[in-house]
Amino acid sequence: MNAIKDQSLHVFLDDLASKNATPGGGSVAALMGAQSAALISMVCNLTLGKANYEHVEADMQALLISAEALRKQFTEMIQADIDVFDKLMAAYRLPKETDEEISARSELIQHVLTEAIEVPLLCAKACREAMDLCQSAGEKGNLGVISDAGVAIMAAYAGLKSAALNVHINANCLKDEALAATKRTELNAILDGAEALHAAVYQTVESKL
């Protein structure tokens, strides 16, 4: 089977709409992040070399490098979410007829859950980083494509909040309450200030239209 990133948009959406458990919301969260990063790159590419934007040339070059690095991360996360979820479903399908099987199944499920919670947590972190990049794009980007910086902040914020939901649902399944609390604390640190940043960047973009 081809990697998800090599499939057409049509195939991805068909799979998303099907009865299959993957791809699902976690992959969509990463896709929204990737779209945000790609839009930031677009703003950079359409600002670089343009008249009246010479003073932000170096900033746009650095922003482009950061955005492309994030886009690569997000693209990999789309598949990573599918892989870890499929692994979790395989653990849930293990036999549970004997005490030994029940114990082994439960232990494996909890082990995979500790892996599964990291994917959306990393996605949330990357989305927050994308939001910071959107701020620079909105402040310094070419006014001809400034609306794309606004779409980028919307996509990054949606990806962040979507990834957060996946962190919570996995944390709720963890029997290790201390670990679950740690992951929620990490998520809350990522979310802190995100709503205000989202509103500020959107307002900045809107004011330039």
Foldseek 3Di string as FASTA:
>chain_A
DDQPLPDDPVVQVVCAPDPDPPPYLQLLLLVLLLLLLVLLLVLLVVLAPDPPQPVCNVVSVVLNVLSVVLNVVSSVLSRVLVVLVVQLVVLVPFDDPDPVSVVVSVVSNLVSLVVNLVSLLVSLLSLLVSLVSLLVSLVRTDLVSNVSSLSSLVSSLVSNVSSLVSNLVSLVPHPPVVVSVVSVVSSVVSVVCSVVSNVVSNVSSVVSD
